[in-house]
Amino acid sequence: QIQLVESGGGLVQPGGSLTLSCAASTRTFANYAIGWFRQAPGKEREFVAAVSRTSTDTCYGDSVKGRFTTTRDNAKNTLSLQMNSLQPEDTALYYCAAKYTSSGTVYLTAPSYPDWGQGTQVTVSS
């Protein structure tokens, strides 16, 4: 089993940057595909990014492509989401999620992930 804790959220001005972190408590982090999702009030949970077990594959949602970058460090059991050129529409609660898998693929849908963190709030406002 894996536990996930997100951190790094906060208030940032439009055009600014923020880096989110996700710390995982497991001895087998390299066996998990990881995803980032976000949910704004009154909206459905949205796919942000995903990375495969060994970082050989990454994928980004259309709304963040070119602005967000996710990386993982399997030796430290951590994942990061670098967010640049933030806009008010990026305001949401951001979650990391994990799926135990032997596959090297990425997973793009929320139901694919059985394990979730509590989320960290990102607010983009002037």
C-alpha atoms as a PDB file:
ATOM      1  CA  GLN A   1       0.000   0.000   0.000  1.00  0.00           C
ATOM      2  CA  ILE A   2       1.075   3.569  -0.622  1.00  0.00           C
ATOM      3  CA  GLN A   3       0.325   6.850   1.102  1.00  0.00           C
ATOM      4  CA  LEU A   4       0.702  10.140  -0.717  1.00  0.00           C
ATOM      5  CA  VAL A   5       1.159  13.636   0.683  1.00  0.00           C
ATOM      6  CA  GLU A   6       1.088  16.699  -1.534  1.00  0.00           C
ATOM      7  CA  SER A   7       2.711  20.007  -0.630  1.00  0.00           C
ATOM      8  CA  GLY A   8       3.779  23.267  -2.192  1.00  0.00           C
ATOM      9  CA  GLY A   9       0.445  24.846  -2.953  1.00  0.00           C
ATOM     10  CA  GLY A  10      -0.305  28.470  -2.297  1.00  0.00           C
ATOM     11  CA  LEU A  11      -1.278  31.818  -3.745  1.00  0.00           C
ATOM     12  CA  VAL A  12       0.540  33.019  -6.857  1.00  0.00           C
ATOM     13  CA  GLN A  13       0.000  35.895  -9.251  1.00  0.00           C
ATOM     14  CA  PRO A  14      -0.954  35.295 -12.879  1.00  0.00           C
ATOM     15  CA  GLY A  15       2.117  34.505 -14.920  1.00  0.00           C
ATOM     16  CA  GLY A  16       3.928  33.146 -11.895  1.00  0.00           C
ATOM     17  CA  SER A  17       5.322  29.735 -11.117  1.00  0.00           C
ATOM     18  CA  LEU A  18       4.849  27.132  -8.425  1.00  0.00           C
ATOM     19  CA  THR A  19       6.249  23.689  -7.764  1.00  0.00           C
ATOM     20  CA  LEU A  20       4.145  21.016  -6.136  1.00  0.00           C
ATOM     21  CA  SER A  21       5.628  17.978  -4.456  1.00  0.00           C
ATOM     22  CA  CYS A  22       4.183  14.574  -3.727  1.00  0.00           C
ATOM     23  CA  ALA A  23       5.877  12.384  -1.129  1.00  0.00           C
ATOM     24  CA  ALA A  24       5.115   8.672  -1.138  1.00  0.00           C
ATOM     25  CA  SER A  25       5.432   6.289   1.777  1.00  0.00           C
ATOM     26  CA  THR A  26       6.129   2.900   0.267  1.00  0.00           C
ATOM     27  CA  ARG A  27       9.112   0.618  -0.251  1.00  0.00           C
ATOM     28  CA  THR A  28       8.116  -0.016  -3.846  1.00  0.00           C
ATOM     29  CA  PHE A  29       7.606   3.453  -5.313  1.00  0.00           C
ATOM     30  CA  ALA A  30       9.188   2.382  -8.597  1.00  0.00           C
ATOM     31  CA  ASN A  31       6.288  -0.036  -9.095  1.00  0.00           C
ATOM     32  CA  TYR A  32       3.726   2.757  -9.190  1.00  0.00           C
ATOM     33  CA  ALA A  33       2.566   4.867 -12.088  1.00  0.00           C
ATOM     34  CA  ILE A  34       1.735   8.365 -10.846  1.00  0.00           C
ATOM     35  CA  GLY A  35      -0.749  10.927 -11.982  1.00  0.00           C
ATOM     36  CA  TRP A  36      -1.612  14.536 -11.166  1.00  0.00           C
ATOM     37  CA  PHE A  37      -5.199  15.718 -11.223  1.00  0.00           C
ATOM     38  CA  ARG A  38      -6.957  18.896 -10.204  1.00  0.00           C
ATOM     39  CA  GLN A  39     -10.458  19.879  -9.256  1.00  0.00           C
ATOM     40  CA  ALA A  40     -11.909  23.365  -9.157  1.00  0.00           C
ATOM     41  CA  PRO A  41     -15.100  24.148  -7.243  1.00  0.00           C
ATOM     42  CA  GLY A  42     -18.133  23.017  -9.163  1.00  0.00           C
ATOM     43  CA  LYS A  43     -16.072  21.235 -11.813  1.00  0.00           C
ATOM     44  CA  GLU A  44     -15.122  17.648 -12.498  1.00  0.00           C
ATOM     45  CA  ARG A  45     -11.713  16.291 -11.623  1.00  0.00           C
ATOM     46  CA  GLU A  46      -9.339  17.036 -14.515  1.00  0.00           C
ATOM     47  CA  PHE A  47      -6.287  15.152 -15.696  1.00  0.00           C
ATOM     48  CA  VAL A  48      -3.110  17.236 -15.439  1.00  0.00           C
ATOM     49  CA  ALA A  49      -0.124  14.948 -15.952  1.00  0.00           C
ATOM     50  CA  ALA A  50       1.063  11.381 -15.642  1.00  0.00           C
ATOM     51  CA  VAL A  51       4.418   9.647 -15.467  1.00  0.00           C
ATOM     52  CA  SER A  52       5.222   5.973 -15.852  1.00  0.00           C
ATOM     53  CA  ARG A  53       7.050   3.853 -13.294  1.00  0.00           C
ATOM     54  CA  THR A  54      10.534   4.586 -14.566  1.00  0.00           C
ATOM     55  CA  SER A  55       9.835   7.974 -16.154  1.00  0.00           C
ATOM     56  CA  THR A  56      10.135   6.566 -19.664  1.00  0.00           C
ATOM     57  CA  ASP A  57       6.741   8.002 -20.530  1.00  0.00           C
ATOM     58  CA  THR A  58       4.945  11.199 -19.536  1.00  0.00           C
ATOM     59  CA  CYS A  59       1.700  12.737 -20.667  1.00  0.00           C
ATOM     60  CA  TYR A  60       0.031  16.098 -20.068  1.00  0.00           C
ATOM     61  CA  GLY A  61      -3.459  17.450 -20.295  1.00  0.00           C
ATOM     62  CA  ASP A  62      -4.104  19.824 -23.171  1.00  0.00           C
ATOM     63  CA  SER A  63      -4.718  22.763 -20.857  1.00  0.00           C
ATOM     64  CA  VAL A  64      -1.276  22.505 -19.222  1.00  0.00           C
ATOM     65  CA  LYS A  65       0.865  21.167 -22.050  1.00  0.00           C
ATOM     66  CA  GLY A  66       3.971  23.287 -22.511  1.00  0.00           C
ATOM     67  CA  ARG A  67       3.549  24.988 -19.115  1.00  0.00           C
ATOM     68  CA  PHE A  68       3.710  22.112 -16.598  1.00  0.00           C
ATOM     69  CA  THR A  69       6.409  19.492 -16.148  1.00  0.00           C
ATOM     70  CA  THR A  70       6.316  16.462 -13.890  1.00  0.00           C
ATOM     71  CA  THR A  71       9.348  14.514 -12.739  1.00  0.00           C
ATOM     72  CA  ARG A  72       9.874  11.719 -10.262  1.00  0.00           C
ATOM     73  CA  ASP A  73      12.785  10.546  -8.155  1.00  0.00           C
ATOM     74  CA  ASN A  74      12.327   6.877  -7.337  1.00  0.00           C
ATOM     75  CA  ALA A  75      15.322   6.886  -5.008  1.00  0.00           C
ATOM     76  CA  LYS A  76      13.660   9.559  -2.846  1.00  0.00           C
ATOM     77  CA  ASN A  77      10.053   8.433  -3.296  1.00  0.00           C
ATOM     78  CA  THR A  78       9.072  11.868  -4.530  1.00  0.00           C
ATOM     79  CA  LEU A  79       7.284  13.423  -7.455  1.00  0.00           C
ATOM     80  CA  SER A  80       7.171  17.063  -8.487  1.00  0.00           C
ATOM     81  CA  LEU A  81       4.976  19.196 -10.704  1.00  0.00           C
ATOM     82  CA  GLN A  82       6.618  22.358 -11.978  1.00  0.00           C
ATOM     83  CA  MET A  83       3.935  24.842 -13.032  1.00  0.00           C
ATOM     84  CA  ASN A  84       4.836  27.887 -15.095  1.00  0.00           C
ATOM     85  CA  SER A  85       2.822  30.705 -16.650  1.00  0.00           C
ATOM     86  CA  LEU A  86       0.014  30.101 -14.201  1.00  0.00           C
ATOM     87  CA  GLN A  87      -3.391  31.578 -14.981  1.00  0.00           C
ATOM     88  CA  PRO A  88      -6.528  32.057 -12.883  1.00  0.00           C
ATOM     89  CA  GLU A  89      -8.087  29.035 -14.578  1.00  0.00           C
ATOM     90  CA  ASP A  90      -5.346  26.896 -13.028  1.00  0.00           C
ATOM     91  CA  THR A  91      -6.854  27.568  -9.601  1.00  0.00           C
ATOM     92  CA  ALA A  92      -7.858  24.219  -8.117  1.00  0.00           C
ATOM     93  CA  LEU A  93      -7.127  21.574  -5.540  1.00  0.00           C
ATOM     94  CA  TYR A  94      -4.268  19.501  -6.925  1.00  0.00           C
ATOM     95  CA  TYR A  95      -3.921  15.792  -6.192  1.00  0.00           C
ATOM     96  CA  CYS A  96      -1.303  13.170  -6.864  1.00  0.00           C
ATOM     97  CA  ALA A  97      -2.487   9.604  -7.379  1.00  0.00           C
ATOM     98  CA  ALA A  98      -0.802   6.231  -7.666  1.00  0.00           C
ATOM     99  CA  LYS A  99      -1.437   2.930  -9.401  1.00  0.00           C
ATOM    100  CA  TYR A 100       0.563  -0.205  -8.661  1.00  0.00           C
ATOM    101  CA  THR A 101       1.501  -1.731 -12.015  1.00  0.00           C
ATOM    102  CA  SER A 102       4.043  -3.848 -13.839  1.00  0.00           C
ATOM    103  CA  SER A 103       3.361  -1.929 -17.020  1.00  0.00           C
ATOM    104  CA  GLY A 104       5.500   0.914 -18.283  1.00  0.00           C
ATOM    105  CA  THR A 105       2.521   2.880 -19.480  1.00  0.00           C
ATOM    106  CA  VAL A 106       0.874   6.030 -18.166  1.00  0.00           C
ATOM    107  CA  TYR A 107      -2.726   6.246 -16.999  1.00  0.00           C
ATOM    108  CA  LEU A 108      -4.845   9.241 -17.878  1.00  0.00           C
ATOM    109  CA  THR A 109      -8.141   8.758 -16.081  1.00  0.00           C
ATOM    110  CA  ALA A 110      -8.952   9.224 -12.414  1.00  0.00           C
ATOM    111  CA  PRO A 111     -10.662   5.833 -11.995  1.00  0.00           C
ATOM    112  CA  SER A 112      -7.381   4.173 -13.000  1.00  0.00           C
ATOM    113  CA  TYR A 113      -5.805   5.252  -9.720  1.00  0.00           C
ATOM    114  CA  PRO A 114      -6.834   3.578  -6.476  1.00  0.00           C
ATOM    115  CA  ASP A 115      -4.594   5.640  -4.177  1.00  0.00           C
ATOM    116  CA  TRP A 116      -4.865   9.392  -3.691  1.00  0.00           C
ATOM    117  CA  GLY A 117      -3.361  12.123  -1.566  1.00  0.00           C
ATOM    118  CA  GLN A 118      -5.404  14.749   0.256  1.00  0.00           C
ATOM    119  CA  GLY A 119      -4.585  17.499  -2.207  1.00  0.00           C
ATOM    120  CA  THR A 120      -2.911  20.896  -2.042  1.00  0.00           C
ATOM    121  CA  GLN A 121      -4.644  24.146  -2.979  1.00  0.00           C
ATOM    122  CA  VAL A 122      -3.304  26.344  -5.760  1.00  0.00           C
ATOM    123  CA  THR A 123      -4.828  29.782  -6.164  1.00  0.00           C
ATOM    124  CA  VAL A 124      -3.825  32.045  -9.030  1.00  0.00           C
ATOM    125  CA  SER A 125      -4.987  35.583  -8.441  1.00  0.00           C
ATOM    126  CA  SER A 126      -3.752  39.146  -8.503  1.00  0.00           C
END
